[in-house]
PDB file of N, CA and C in Angstrom:
ATOM      1  N   MET A   1       9.272  30.913  27.089  1.00  0.00           N
ATOM      2  CA  MET A   1       9.211  30.060  25.855  1.00  0.00           C
ATOM      3  C   MET A   1       9.291  28.609  26.342  1.00  0.00           C
ATOM      4  N   ASN A   2       8.330  27.751  25.990  1.00  0.00           N
ATOM      5  CA  ASN A   2       8.382  26.363  26.293  1.00  0.00           C
ATOM      6  C   ASN A   2       8.992  25.565  25.196  1.00  0.00           C
ATOM      7  N   CYS A   3      10.183  25.090  25.460  1.00  0.00           N
ATOM      8  CA  CYS A   3      10.845  24.299  24.431  1.00  0.00           C
ATOM      9  C   CYS A   3      10.828  22.849  24.888  1.00  0.00           C
ATOM     10  N   THR A   4      10.508  22.022  24.013  1.00  0.00           N
ATOM     11  CA  THR A   4      10.436  20.581  24.311  1.00  0.00           C
ATOM     12  C   THR A   4      11.721  19.898  23.820  1.00  0.00           C
ATOM     13  N   ARG A   5      12.372  20.475  22.861  1.00  0.00           N
ATOM     14  CA  ARG A   5      13.598  19.849  22.344  1.00  0.00           C
ATOM     15  C   ARG A   5      14.833  20.364  23.102  1.00  0.00           C
ATOM     16  N   VAL A   6      15.679  19.441  23.436  1.00  0.00           N
ATOM     17  CA  VAL A   6      16.816  19.795  24.236  1.00  0.00           C
ATOM     18  C   VAL A   6      17.741  20.749  23.466  1.00  0.00           C
ATOM     19  N   ASP A   7      17.893  20.500  22.155  1.00  0.00           N
ATOM     20  CA  ASP A   7      18.744  21.377  21.290  1.00  0.00           C
ATOM     21  C   ASP A   7      18.253  22.803  21.377  1.00  0.00           C
ATOM     22  N   ASP A   8      16.934  23.044  21.331  1.00  0.00           N
ATOM     23  CA  ASP A   8      16.412  24.415  21.391  1.00  0.00           C
ATOM     24  C   ASP A   8      16.792  25.043  22.706  1.00  0.00           C
ATOM     25  N   MET A   9      16.693  24.262  23.766  1.00  0.00           N
ATOM     26  CA  MET A   9      17.048  24.810  25.115  1.00  0.00           C
ATOM     27  C   MET A   9      18.513  25.157  25.226  1.00  0.00           C
ATOM     28  N   LEU A  10      19.348  24.285  24.545  1.00  0.00           N
ATOM     29  CA  LEU A  10      20.786  24.537  24.594  1.00  0.00           C
ATOM     30  C   LEU A  10      21.116  25.815  23.820  1.00  0.00           C
ATOM     31  N   ILE A  11      20.554  25.962  22.661  1.00  0.00           N
ATOM     32  CA  ILE A  11      20.703  27.209  21.901  1.00  0.00           C
ATOM     33  C   ILE A  11      20.307  28.430  22.718  1.00  0.00           C
ATOM     34  N   GLU A  12      19.206  28.316  23.409  1.00  0.00           N
ATOM     35  CA  GLU A  12      18.679  29.470  24.227  1.00  0.00           C
ATOM     36  C   GLU A  12      19.749  29.773  25.328  1.00  0.00           C
ATOM     37  N   MET A  13      20.295  28.722  25.930  1.00  0.00           N
ATOM     38  CA  MET A  13      21.254  28.921  27.016  1.00  0.00           C
ATOM     39  C   MET A  13      22.528  29.628  26.541  1.00  0.00           C
ATOM     40  N   ILE A  14      23.003  29.306  25.292  1.00  0.00           N
ATOM     41  CA  ILE A  14      24.212  29.961  24.806  1.00  0.00           C
ATOM     42  C   ILE A  14      23.939  31.234  24.027  1.00  0.00           C
ATOM     43  N   GLY A  15      22.665  31.479  23.871  1.00  0.00           N
ATOM     44  CA  GLY A  15      22.230  32.690  23.092  1.00  0.00           C
ATOM     45  C   GLY A  15      22.877  34.010  23.576  1.00  0.00           C
ATOM     46  N   PRO A  16      22.835  34.331  24.865  1.00  0.00           N
ATOM     47  CA  PRO A  16      23.450  35.536  25.322  1.00  0.00           C
ATOM     48  C   PRO A  16      24.928  35.609  25.062  1.00  0.00           C
ATOM     49  N   ARG A  17      25.643  34.515  25.220  1.00  0.00           N
ATOM     50  CA  ARG A  17      27.071  34.446  24.954  1.00  0.00           C
ATOM     51  C   ARG A  17      27.280  34.643  23.449  1.00  0.00           C
ATOM     52  N   VAL A  18      26.496  34.112  22.603  1.00  0.00           N
ATOM     53  CA  VAL A  18      26.644  34.254  21.130  1.00  0.00           C
ATOM     54  C   VAL A  18      26.423  35.712  20.781  1.00  0.00           C
ATOM     55  N   LYS A  19      25.444  36.357  21.406  1.00  0.00           N
ATOM     56  CA  LYS A  19      25.218  37.787  21.133  1.00  0.00           C
ATOM     57  C   LYS A  19      26.451  38.633  21.501  1.00  0.00           C
ATOM     58  N   GLU A  20      27.017  38.333  22.661  1.00  0.00           N
ATOM     59  CA  GLU A  20      28.257  39.033  23.090  1.00  0.00           C
ATOM     60  C   GLU A  20      29.371  38.848  22.039  1.00  0.00           C
ATOM     61  N   ILE A  21      29.526  37.659  21.574  1.00  0.00           N
ATOM     62  CA  ILE A  21      30.587  37.317  20.565  1.00  0.00           C
ATOM     63  C   ILE A  21      30.345  38.092  19.310  1.00  0.00           C
ATOM     64  N   GLU A  22      29.065  38.082  18.846  1.00  0.00           N
ATOM     65  CA  GLU A  22      28.707  38.818  17.636  1.00  0.00           C
ATOM     66  C   GLU A  22      28.988  40.295  17.727  1.00  0.00           C
ATOM     67  N   GLU A  23      28.673  40.873  18.877  1.00  0.00           N
ATOM     68  CA  GLU A  23      28.945  42.271  19.162  1.00  0.00           C
ATOM     69  C   GLU A  23      30.467  42.594  19.149  1.00  0.00           C
ATOM     70  N   LYS A  24      31.200  41.674  19.800  1.00  0.00           N
ATOM     71  CA  LYS A  24      32.619  41.771  19.885  1.00  0.00           C
ATOM     72  C   LYS A  24      33.221  41.739  18.450  1.00  0.00           C
ATOM     73  N   PHE A  25      32.706  40.787  17.644  1.00  0.00           N
ATOM     74  CA  PHE A  25      33.205  40.702  16.260  1.00  0.00           C
ATOM     75  C   PHE A  25      32.837  41.913  15.453  1.00  0.00           C
ATOM     76  N   ALA A  26      31.630  42.477  15.670  1.00  0.00           N
ATOM     77  CA  ALA A  26      31.135  43.632  14.962  1.00  0.00           C
ATOM     78  C   ALA A  26      32.057  44.869  15.293  1.00  0.00           C
ATOM     79  N   ARG A  27      32.600  44.919  16.470  1.00  0.00           N
ATOM     80  CA  ARG A  27      33.433  46.042  16.883  1.00  0.00           C
ATOM     81  C   ARG A  27      34.851  45.868  16.313  1.00  0.00           C
ATOM     82  N   GLY A  28      35.070  44.714  15.651  1.00  0.00           N
ATOM     83  CA  GLY A  28      36.406  44.508  15.029  1.00  0.00           C
ATOM     84  C   GLY A  28      37.415  43.904  16.002  1.00  0.00           C
ATOM     85  N   GLU A  29      36.954  43.442  17.162  1.00  0.00           N
ATOM     86  CA  GLU A  29      37.821  42.782  18.091  1.00  0.00           C
ATOM     87  C   GLU A  29      38.080  41.322  17.647  1.00  0.00           C
ATOM     88  N   GLY A  30      39.223  40.822  18.008  1.00  0.00           N
ATOM     89  CA  GLY A  30      39.595  39.422  17.656  1.00  0.00           C
ATOM     90  C   GLY A  30      38.802  38.475  18.543  1.00  0.00           C
ATOM     91  N   LEU A  31      38.594  37.281  18.013  1.00  0.00           N
ATOM     92  CA  LEU A  31      37.865  36.212  18.725  1.00  0.00           C
ATOM     93  C   LEU A  31      38.837  35.265  19.371  1.00  0.00           C
ATOM     94  N   GLU A  32      38.527  34.867  20.532  1.00  0.00           N
ATOM     95  CA  GLU A  32      39.336  33.821  21.245  1.00  0.00           C
ATOM     96  C   GLU A  32      38.831  32.465  20.847  1.00  0.00           C
ATOM     97  N   SER A  33      39.583  31.453  21.232  1.00  0.00           N
ATOM     98  CA  SER A  33      39.220  30.079  20.816  1.00  0.00           C
ATOM     99  C   SER A  33      37.906  29.699  21.530  1.00  0.00           C
ATOM    100  N   ASP A  34      37.622  30.213  22.739  1.00  0.00           N
ATOM    101  CA  ASP A  34      36.337  29.908  23.413  1.00  0.00           C
ATOM    102  C   ASP A  34      35.150  30.537  22.597  1.00  0.00           C
ATOM    103  N   ASP A  35      35.389  31.731  22.111  1.00  0.00           N
ATOM    104  CA  ASP A  35      34.374  32.410  21.322  1.00  0.00           C
ATOM    105  C   ASP A  35      34.051  31.530  20.048  1.00  0.00           C
ATOM    106  N   ILE A  36      35.148  31.113  19.356  1.00  0.00           N
ATOM    107  CA  ILE A  36      34.972  30.305  18.130  1.00  0.00           C
ATOM    108  C   ILE A  36      34.254  29.006  18.468  1.00  0.00           C
ATOM    109  N   ASN A  37      34.647  28.386  19.604  1.00  0.00           N
ATOM    110  CA  ASN A  37      33.997  27.144  19.971  1.00  0.00           C
ATOM    111  C   ASN A  37      32.506  27.324  20.296  1.00  0.00           C
ATOM    112  N   THR A  38      32.197  28.429  20.910  1.00  0.00           N
ATOM    113  CA  THR A  38      30.811  28.746  21.213  1.00  0.00           C
ATOM    114  C   THR A  38      30.013  28.888  19.893  1.00  0.00           C
ATOM    115  N   LEU A  39      30.546  29.635  18.931  1.00  0.00           N
ATOM    116  CA  LEU A  39      29.872  29.779  17.659  1.00  0.00           C
ATOM    117  C   LEU A  39      29.720  28.466  16.962  1.00  0.00           C
ATOM    118  N   LEU A  40      30.792  27.595  16.989  1.00  0.00           N
ATOM    119  CA  LEU A  40      30.705  26.311  16.366  1.00  0.00           C
ATOM    120  C   LEU A  40      29.644  25.462  17.023  1.00  0.00           C
ATOM    121  N   LEU A  41      29.605  25.562  18.352  1.00  0.00           N
ATOM    122  CA  LEU A  41      28.606  24.846  19.105  1.00  0.00           C
ATOM    123  C   LEU A  41      27.152  25.217  18.688  1.00  0.00           C
ATOM    124  N   LYS A  42      26.921  26.540  18.490  1.00  0.00           N
ATOM    125  CA  LYS A  42      25.627  27.011  18.101  1.00  0.00           C
ATOM    126  C   LYS A  42      25.360  26.472  16.709  1.00  0.00           C
ATOM    127  N   SER A  43      26.385  26.577  15.835  1.00  0.00           N
ATOM    128  CA  SER A  43      26.191  26.044  14.478  1.00  0.00           C
ATOM    129  C   SER A  43      25.803  24.589  14.466  1.00  0.00           C
ATOM    130  N   GLN A  44      26.420  23.845  15.312  1.00  0.00           N
ATOM    131  CA  GLN A  44      26.139  22.350  15.399  1.00  0.00           C
ATOM    132  C   GLN A  44      24.766  22.122  15.938  1.00  0.00           C
ATOM    133  N   TYR A  45      24.317  22.878  16.957  1.00  0.00           N
ATOM    134  CA  TYR A  45      22.937  22.746  17.450  1.00  0.00           C
ATOM    135  C   TYR A  45      21.962  23.019  16.348  1.00  0.00           C
ATOM    136  N   ASN A  46      22.202  24.133  15.559  1.00  0.00           N
ATOM    137  CA  ASN A  46      21.310  24.448  14.462  1.00  0.00           C
ATOM    138  C   ASN A  46      21.269  23.350  13.455  1.00  0.00           C
ATOM    139  N   HIS A  47      22.391  22.831  13.181  1.00  0.00           N
ATOM    140  CA  HIS A  47      22.498  21.669  12.232  1.00  0.00           C
ATOM    141  C   HIS A  47      21.751  20.478  12.710  1.00  0.00           C
ATOM    142  N   ILE A  48      21.934  20.148  14.012  1.00  0.00           N
ATOM    143  CA  ILE A  48      21.214  19.035  14.569  1.00  0.00           C
ATOM    144  C   ILE A  48      19.709  19.222  14.525  1.00  0.00           C
ATOM    145  N   ASN A  49      19.275  20.484  14.848  1.00  0.00           N
ATOM    146  CA  ASN A  49      17.823  20.794  14.732  1.00  0.00           C
ATOM    147  C   ASN A  49      17.318  20.601  13.331  1.00  0.00           C
ATOM    148  N   HIS A  50      18.078  21.053  12.363  1.00  0.00           N
ATOM    149  CA  HIS A  50      17.669  20.935  10.956  1.00  0.00           C
ATOM    150  C   HIS A  50      17.555  19.452  10.578  1.00  0.00           C
ATOM    151  N   LEU A  51      18.584  18.699  10.945  1.00  0.00           N
ATOM    152  CA  LEU A  51      18.580  17.251  10.601  1.00  0.00           C
ATOM    153  C   LEU A  51      17.446  16.597  11.340  1.00  0.00           C
ATOM    154  N   ASP A  52      17.162  16.945  12.593  1.00  0.00           N
ATOM    155  CA  ASP A  52      16.024  16.379  13.337  1.00  0.00           C
ATOM    156  C   ASP A  52      14.739  16.678  12.618  1.00  0.00           C
ATOM    157  N   SER A  53      14.592  17.891  12.173  1.00  0.00           N
ATOM    158  CA  SER A  53      13.383  18.238  11.471  1.00  0.00           C
ATOM    159  C   SER A  53      13.229  17.458  10.126  1.00  0.00           C
ATOM    160  N   LYS A  54      14.369  17.345   9.426  1.00  0.00           N
ATOM    161  CA  LYS A  54      14.311  16.506   8.179  1.00  0.00           C
ATOM    162  C   LYS A  54      13.965  15.036   8.484  1.00  0.00           C
ATOM    163  N   LEU A  55      14.513  14.537   9.584  1.00  0.00           N
ATOM    164  CA  LEU A  55      14.210  13.156   9.937  1.00  0.00           C
ATOM    165  C   LEU A  55      12.688  13.029  10.254  1.00  0.00           C
ATOM    166  N   ASN A  56      12.140  13.959  10.932  1.00  0.00           N
ATOM    167  CA  ASN A  56      10.683  13.867  11.202  1.00  0.00           C
ATOM    168  C   ASN A  56       9.903  13.893   9.909  1.00  0.00           C
ATOM    169  N   GLU A  57      10.353  14.696   8.906  1.00  0.00           N
ATOM    170  CA  GLU A  57       9.714  14.658   7.548  1.00  0.00           C
ATOM    171  C   GLU A  57       9.816  13.320   6.939  1.00  0.00           C
ATOM    172  N   VAL A  58      10.994  12.743   6.990  1.00  0.00           N
ATOM    173  CA  VAL A  58      11.225  11.460   6.372  1.00  0.00           C
ATOM    174  C   VAL A  58      10.327  10.341   7.076  1.00  0.00           C
ATOM    175  N   VAL A  59      10.349  10.401   8.396  1.00  0.00           N
ATOM    176  CA  VAL A  59       9.473   9.411   9.107  1.00  0.00           C
ATOM    177  C   VAL A  59       8.037   9.566   8.719  1.00  0.00           C
ATOM    178  N   ALA A  60       7.561  10.796   8.684  1.00  0.00           N
ATOM    179  CA  ALA A  60       6.157  11.036   8.229  1.00  0.00           C
ATOM    180  C   ALA A  60       5.946  10.516   6.783  1.00  0.00           C
ATOM    181  N   SER A  61       6.862  10.714   5.983  1.00  0.00           N
ATOM    182  CA  SER A  61       6.754  10.294   4.563  1.00  0.00           C
ATOM    183  C   SER A  61       6.719   8.741   4.545  1.00  0.00           C
ATOM    184  N   VAL A  62       7.621   8.043   5.300  1.00  0.00           N
ATOM    185  CA  VAL A  62       7.599   6.630   5.397  1.00  0.00           C
ATOM    186  C   VAL A  62       6.277   6.099   5.940  1.00  0.00           C
ATOM    187  N   VAL A  63       5.726   6.711   6.892  1.00  0.00           N
ATOM    188  CA  VAL A  63       4.476   6.324   7.508  1.00  0.00           C
ATOM    189  C   VAL A  63       3.324   6.421   6.388  1.00  0.00           C
ATOM    190  N   THR A  64       3.390   7.542   5.619  1.00  0.00           N
ATOM    191  CA  THR A  64       2.381   7.692   4.593  1.00  0.00           C
ATOM    192  C   THR A  64       2.546   6.657   3.516  1.00  0.00           C
ATOM    193  N   LEU A  65       3.787   6.340   3.136  1.00  0.00           N
ATOM    194  CA  LEU A  65       4.035   5.301   2.136  1.00  0.00           C
ATOM    195  C   LEU A  65       3.618   3.922   2.655  1.00  0.00           C
ATOM    196  N   GLU A  66       3.839   3.670   3.933  1.00  0.00           N
ATOM    197  CA  GLU A  66       3.366   2.339   4.432  1.00  0.00           C
ATOM    198  C   GLU A  66       1.826   2.264   4.404  1.00  0.00           C
ATOM    199  N   ARG A  67       1.152   3.408   4.726  1.00  0.00           N
ATOM    200  CA  ARG A  67      -0.292   3.391   4.698  1.00  0.00           C
ATOM    201  C   ARG A  67      -0.769   3.178   3.246  1.00  0.00           C
ATOM    202  N   LYS A  68      -0.122   3.832   2.300  1.00  0.00           N
ATOM    203  CA  LYS A  68      -0.500   3.690   0.880  1.00  0.00           C
ATOM    204  C   LYS A  68      -0.276   2.261   0.410  1.00  0.00           C
ATOM    205  N   PHE A  69       0.897   1.729   0.858  1.00  0.00           N
ATOM    206  CA  PHE A  69       1.197   0.377   0.451  1.00  0.00           C
ATOM    207  C   PHE A  69       0.216  -0.620   1.037  1.00  0.00           C
ATOM    208  N   THR A  70      -0.217  -0.359   2.236  1.00  0.00           N
ATOM    209  CA  THR A  70      -1.241  -1.241   2.889  1.00  0.00           C
ATOM    210  C   THR A  70      -2.566  -1.125   2.131  1.00  0.00           C
ATOM    211  N   GLU A  71      -2.948   0.059   1.724  1.00  0.00           N
ATOM    212  CA  GLU A  71      -4.188   0.266   0.971  1.00  0.00           C
ATOM    213  C   GLU A  71      -4.068  -0.459  -0.377  1.00  0.00           C
ATOM    214  N   LEU A  72      -2.882  -0.300  -1.020  1.00  0.00           N
ATOM    215  CA  LEU A  72      -2.662  -0.898  -2.318  1.00  0.00           C
ATOM    216  C   LEU A  72      -2.701  -2.375  -2.221  1.00  0.00           C
ATOM    217  N   SER A  73      -2.099  -2.944  -1.172  1.00  0.00           N
ATOM    218  CA  SER A  73      -2.073  -4.327  -0.923  1.00  0.00           C
ATOM    219  C   SER A  73      -3.556  -4.914  -0.797  1.00  0.00           C
ATOM    220  N   GLY A  74      -4.375  -4.140  -0.063  1.00  0.00           N
ATOM    221  CA  GLY A  74      -5.753  -4.516   0.183  1.00  0.00           C
ATOM    222  C   GLY A  74      -6.528  -4.463  -1.197  1.00  0.00           C
ATOM    223  N   GLN A  75      -6.241  -3.443  -1.976  1.00  0.00           N
ATOM    224  CA  GLN A  75      -6.881  -3.346  -3.261  1.00  0.00           C
ATOM    225  C   GLN A  75      -6.445  -4.486  -4.194  1.00  0.00           C
ATOM    226  N   PHE A  76      -5.139  -4.863  -4.114  1.00  0.00           N
ATOM    227  CA  PHE A  76      -4.660  -5.925  -4.897  1.00  0.00           C
ATOM    228  C   PHE A  76      -5.318  -7.276  -4.492  1.00  0.00           C
ATOM    229  N   SER A  77      -5.485  -7.465  -3.158  1.00  0.00           N
ATOM    230  CA  SER A  77      -6.156  -8.692  -2.705  1.00  0.00           C
ATOM    231  C   SER A  77      -7.577  -8.802  -3.233  1.00  0.00           C
ATOM    232  N   THR A  78      -8.250  -7.621  -3.196  1.00  0.00           N
ATOM    233  CA  THR A  78      -9.617  -7.557  -3.664  1.00  0.00           C
ATOM    234  C   THR A  78      -9.637  -7.892  -5.208  1.00  0.00           C
ATOM    235  N   PHE A  79      -8.697  -7.256  -5.905  1.00  0.00           N
ATOM    236  CA  PHE A  79      -8.638  -7.475  -7.349  1.00  0.00           C
ATOM    237  C   PHE A  79      -8.330  -8.948  -7.662  1.00  0.00           C
ATOM    238  N   LYS A  80      -7.432  -9.565  -6.918  1.00  0.00           N
ATOM    239  CA  LYS A  80      -7.073 -10.951  -7.069  1.00  0.00           C
ATOM    240  C   LYS A  80      -8.309 -11.801  -6.872  1.00  0.00           C
ATOM    241  N   ALA A  81      -9.038 -11.580  -5.810  1.00  0.00           N
ATOM    242  CA  ALA A  81     -10.270 -12.310  -5.498  1.00  0.00           C
ATOM    243  C   ALA A  81     -11.309 -12.173  -6.670  1.00  0.00           C
ATOM    244  N   GLU A  82     -11.433 -10.954  -7.222  1.00  0.00           N
ATOM    245  CA  GLU A  82     -12.352 -10.727  -8.311  1.00  0.00           C
ATOM    246  C   GLU A  82     -11.922 -11.489  -9.557  1.00  0.00           C
ATOM    247  N   ILE A  83     -10.599 -11.456  -9.806  1.00  0.00           N
ATOM    248  CA  ILE A  83     -10.055 -12.186 -10.989  1.00  0.00           C
ATOM    249  C   ILE A  83     -10.355 -13.677 -10.826  1.00  0.00           C
ATOM    250  N   ILE A  84     -10.117 -14.217  -9.663  1.00  0.00           N
ATOM    251  CA  ILE A  84     -10.310 -15.645  -9.419  1.00  0.00           C
ATOM    252  C   ILE A  84     -11.750 -16.043  -9.621  1.00  0.00           C
ATOM    253  N   ALA A  85     -12.631 -15.128  -9.086  1.00  0.00           N
ATOM    254  CA  ALA A  85     -14.071 -15.391  -9.244  1.00  0.00           C
ATOM    255  C   ALA A  85     -14.495 -15.348 -10.732  1.00  0.00           C
ATOM    256  N   GLU A  86     -13.972 -14.353 -11.474  1.00  0.00           N
ATOM    257  CA  GLU A  86     -14.271 -14.259 -12.893  1.00  0.00           C
ATOM    258  C   GLU A  86     -13.734 -15.463 -13.656  1.00  0.00           C
ATOM    259  N   LEU A  87     -12.543 -15.890 -13.309  1.00  0.00           N
ATOM    260  CA  LEU A  87     -11.966 -17.139 -13.957  1.00  0.00           C
ATOM    261  C   LEU A  87     -12.819 -18.311 -13.738  1.00  0.00           C
ATOM    262  N   ALA A  88     -13.240 -18.511 -12.473  1.00  0.00           N
ATOM    263  CA  ALA A  88     -14.121 -19.656 -12.184  1.00  0.00           C
ATOM    264  C   ALA A  88     -15.449 -19.569 -12.973  1.00  0.00           C
ATOM    265  N   LYS A  89     -16.004 -18.335 -12.944  1.00  0.00           N
ATOM    266  CA  LYS A  89     -17.269 -18.149 -13.749  1.00  0.00           C
ATOM    267  C   LYS A  89     -16.995 -18.449 -15.237  1.00  0.00           C
ATOM    268  N   SER A  90     -15.928 -18.051 -15.786  1.00  0.00           N
ATOM    269  CA  SER A  90     -15.640 -18.227 -17.172  1.00  0.00           C
ATOM    270  C   SER A  90     -15.466 -19.703 -17.479  1.00  0.00           C
ATOM    271  N   GLN A  91     -14.797 -20.450 -16.534  1.00  0.00           N
ATOM    272  CA  GLN A  91     -14.594 -21.895 -16.701  1.00  0.00           C
ATOM    273  C   GLN A  91     -15.959 -22.605 -16.740  1.00  0.00           C
ATOM    274  N   VAL A  92     -16.842 -22.173 -15.849  1.00  0.00           N
ATOM    275  CA  VAL A  92     -18.187 -22.805 -15.855  1.00  0.00           C
ATOM    276  C   VAL A  92     -18.949 -22.512 -17.135  1.00  0.00           C
ATOM    277  N   GLU A  93     -18.852 -21.241 -17.627  1.00  0.00           N
ATOM    278  CA  GLU A  93     -19.507 -20.858 -18.878  1.00  0.00           C
ATOM    279  C   GLU A  93     -18.902 -21.622 -20.050  1.00  0.00           C
ATOM    280  N   MET A  94     -17.577 -21.804 -20.043  1.00  0.00           N
ATOM    281  CA  MET A  94     -16.924 -22.493 -21.190  1.00  0.00           C
ATOM    282  C   MET A  94     -17.311 -23.999 -21.153  1.00  0.00           C
ATOM    283  N   ARG A  95     -17.341 -24.541 -19.963  1.00  0.00           N
ATOM    284  CA  ARG A  95     -17.767 -26.010 -19.797  1.00  0.00           C
ATOM    285  C   ARG A  95     -19.229 -26.170 -20.337  1.00  0.00           C
ATOM    286  N   ASP A  96     -20.043 -25.298 -19.936  1.00  0.00           N
ATOM    287  CA  ASP A  96     -21.526 -25.331 -20.374  1.00  0.00           C
ATOM    288  C   ASP A  96     -21.574 -25.210 -21.881  1.00  0.00           C
ATOM    289  N   MET A  97     -20.822 -24.242 -22.409  1.00  0.00           N
ATOM    290  CA  MET A  97     -20.851 -24.021 -23.868  1.00  0.00           C
ATOM    291  C   MET A  97     -20.334 -25.248 -24.643  1.00  0.00           C
ATOM    292  N   ILE A  98     -19.269 -25.866 -24.123  1.00  0.00           N
ATOM    293  CA  ILE A  98     -18.675 -27.052 -24.780  1.00  0.00           C
ATOM    294  C   ILE A  98     -19.731 -28.223 -24.695  1.00  0.00           C
ATOM    295  N   LEU A  99     -20.305 -28.418 -23.573  1.00  0.00           N
ATOM    296  CA  LEU A  99     -21.333 -29.476 -23.418  1.00  0.00           C
ATOM    297  C   LEU A  99     -22.506 -29.258 -24.286  1.00  0.00           C
ATOM    298  N   THR A 100     -23.006 -27.971 -24.458  1.00  0.00           N
ATOM    299  CA  THR A 100     -24.126 -27.669 -25.342  1.00  0.00           C
ATOM    300  C   THR A 100     -23.703 -27.913 -26.767  1.00  0.00           C
ATOM    301  N   THR A 101     -22.528 -27.459 -27.162  1.00  0.00           N
ATOM    302  CA  THR A 101     -22.053 -27.696 -28.532  1.00  0.00           C
ATOM    303  C   THR A 101     -21.922 -29.218 -28.836  1.00  0.00           C
ATOM    304  N   MET A 102     -21.380 -29.999 -27.863  1.00  0.00           N
ATOM    305  CA  MET A 102     -21.243 -31.420 -28.074  1.00  0.00           C
ATOM    306  C   MET A 102     -22.606 -32.080 -28.234  1.00  0.00           C
ATOM    307  N   ARG A 103     -23.613 -31.630 -27.408  1.00  0.00           N
ATOM    308  CA  ARG A 103     -24.921 -32.151 -27.492  1.00  0.00           C
ATOM    309  C   ARG A 103     -25.545 -31.902 -28.922  1.00  0.00           C
ATOM    310  N   TRP A 104     -25.237 -30.735 -29.402  1.00  0.00           N
ATOM    311  CA  TRP A 104     -25.840 -30.386 -30.727  1.00  0.00           C
ATOM    312  C   TRP A 104     -25.168 -31.232 -31.794  1.00  0.00           C
ATOM    313  N   TYR A 105     -23.847 -31.400 -31.736  1.00  0.00           N
ATOM    314  CA  TYR A 105     -23.092 -32.194 -32.721  1.00  0.00           C
ATOM    315  C   TYR A 105     -23.544 -33.670 -32.643  1.00  0.00           C
ATOM    316  N   ILE A 106     -23.683 -34.210 -31.454  1.00  0.00           N
ATOM    317  CA  ILE A 106     -24.117 -35.644 -31.272  1.00  0.00           C
ATOM    318  C   ILE A 106     -25.525 -35.771 -31.741  1.00  0.00           C
ATOM    319  N   GLY A 107     -26.416 -34.787 -31.353  1.00  0.00           N
ATOM    320  CA  GLY A 107     -27.788 -34.895 -31.779  1.00  0.00           C
ATOM    321  C   GLY A 107     -27.909 -34.781 -33.259  1.00  0.00           C
ATOM    322  N   SER A 108     -27.129 -33.871 -33.872  1.00  0.00           N
ATOM    323  CA  SER A 108     -27.144 -33.694 -35.339  1.00  0.00           C
ATOM    324  C   SER A 108     -26.617 -34.925 -36.031  1.00  0.00           C
ATOM    325  N   ALA A 109     -25.578 -35.440 -35.509  1.00  0.00           N
ATOM    326  CA  ALA A 109     -25.045 -36.732 -36.100  1.00  0.00           C
ATOM    327  C   ALA A 109     -26.071 -37.860 -35.992  1.00  0.00           C
ATOM    328  N   GLY A 110     -26.779 -37.944 -34.867  1.00  0.00           N
ATOM    329  CA  GLY A 110     -27.841 -38.962 -34.675  1.00  0.00           C
ATOM    330  C   GLY A 110     -28.938 -38.748 -35.665  1.00  0.00           C
ATOM    331  N   VAL A 111     -29.357 -37.530 -35.843  1.00  0.00           N
ATOM    332  CA  VAL A 111     -30.411 -37.183 -36.918  1.00  0.00           C
ATOM    333  C   VAL A 111     -30.004 -37.604 -38.252  1.00  0.00           C
ATOM    334  N   VAL A 112     -28.748 -37.287 -38.607  1.00  0.00           N
ATOM    335  CA  VAL A 112     -28.237 -37.589 -39.947  1.00  0.00           C
ATOM    336  C   VAL A 112     -28.141 -39.115 -40.100  1.00  0.00           C
ATOM    337  N   LEU A 113     -27.714 -39.829 -39.112  1.00  0.00           N
ATOM    338  CA  LEU A 113     -27.638 -41.313 -39.176  1.00  0.00           C
ATOM    339  C   LEU A 113     -29.039 -41.857 -39.354  1.00  0.00           C
ATOM    340  N   VAL A 114     -30.053 -41.372 -38.578  1.00  0.00           N
ATOM    341  CA  VAL A 114     -31.409 -41.906 -38.740  1.00  0.00           C
ATOM    342  C   VAL A 114     -31.891 -41.633 -40.142  1.00  0.00           C
ATOM    343  N   LEU A 115     -31.704 -40.416 -40.610  1.00  0.00           N
ATOM    344  CA  LEU A 115     -32.141 -40.052 -41.975  1.00  0.00           C
ATOM    345  C   LEU A 115     -31.483 -40.948 -43.010  1.00  0.00           C
ATOM    346  N   LEU A 116     -30.197 -41.162 -42.862  1.00  0.00           N
ATOM    347  CA  LEU A 116     -29.422 -42.056 -43.767  1.00  0.00           C
ATOM    348  C   LEU A 116     -29.970 -43.482 -43.742  1.00  0.00           C
ATOM    349  N   LYS A 117     -30.203 -43.963 -42.531  1.00  0.00           N
ATOM    350  CA  LYS A 117     -30.753 -45.298 -42.384  1.00  0.00           C
ATOM    351  C   LYS A 117     -32.120 -45.409 -42.981  1.00  0.00           C
ATOM    352  N   ALA A 118     -32.944 -44.398 -42.785  1.00  0.00           N
ATOM    353  CA  ALA A 118     -34.310 -44.386 -43.354  1.00  0.00           C
ATOM    354  C   ALA A 118     -34.260 -44.334 -44.848  1.00  0.00           C
ATOM    355  N   LEU A 119     -33.327 -43.528 -45.393  1.00  0.00           N
ATOM    356  CA  LEU A 119     -33.144 -43.424 -46.805  1.00  0.00           C
ATOM    357  C   LEU A 119     -32.676 -44.763 -47.397  1.00  0.00           C
ATOM    358  N   ASP A 120     -31.802 -45.361 -46.614  1.00  0.00           N
ATOM    359  CA  ASP A 120     -31.279 -46.647 -47.051  1.00  0.00           C
ATOM    360  C   ASP A 120     -32.351 -47.710 -47.104  1.00  0.00           C
ATOM    361  N   LEU A 121     -33.348 -47.638 -46.169  1.00  0.00           N
ATOM    362  CA  LEU A 121     -34.442 -48.594 -46.126  1.00  0.00           C
ATOM    363  C   LEU A 121     -35.412 -48.324 -47.307  1.00  0.00           C
ATOM    364  N   PHE A 122     -35.658 -47.092 -47.636  1.00  0.00           N
ATOM    365  CA  PHE A 122     -36.563 -46.767 -48.706  1.00  0.00           C
ATOM    366  C   PHE A 122     -35.980 -46.957 -50.056  1.00  0.00           C
ATOM    367  N   VAL A 123     -34.674 -46.866 -50.174  1.00  0.00           N
ATOM    368  CA  VAL A 123     -33.999 -46.994 -51.516  1.00  0.00           C
ATOM    369  C   VAL A 123     -33.947 -48.484 -51.895  1.00  0.00           C
ATOM    370  N   LYS A 124     -33.896 -49.377 -51.023  1.00  0.00           N
ATOM    371  CA  LYS A 124     -33.812 -50.817 -51.312  1.00  0.00           C
ATOM    372  C   LYS A 124     -35.036 -51.389 -51.788  1.00  0.00           C
TER     373      LYS A 124
END
């Protein structure tokens, strides 16, 4: 068996001794402190392996979240650029609309003044 994790190799090394202890316990024999220490050691190795596995899951999750955040940041930048472009376009359209409206008001006022002046000349 090719183990790359040190903890797996350590569990494998104490495996035969753990089996002896389990058989001893199954026969109803008392356990010595070395036996208990070996079982505790196995338990700790299993616990470390479990925590290591969970840590790998958390790291993978963080990497995924970082990737999603980067994508979201890029989308936000694109959205920001689009909003700025739309605001600039709206400002130009509003300026043009105001200028056109002012031209119509000034032109209309000019026409009214000319008509009033012409009416004033004909009425005298």
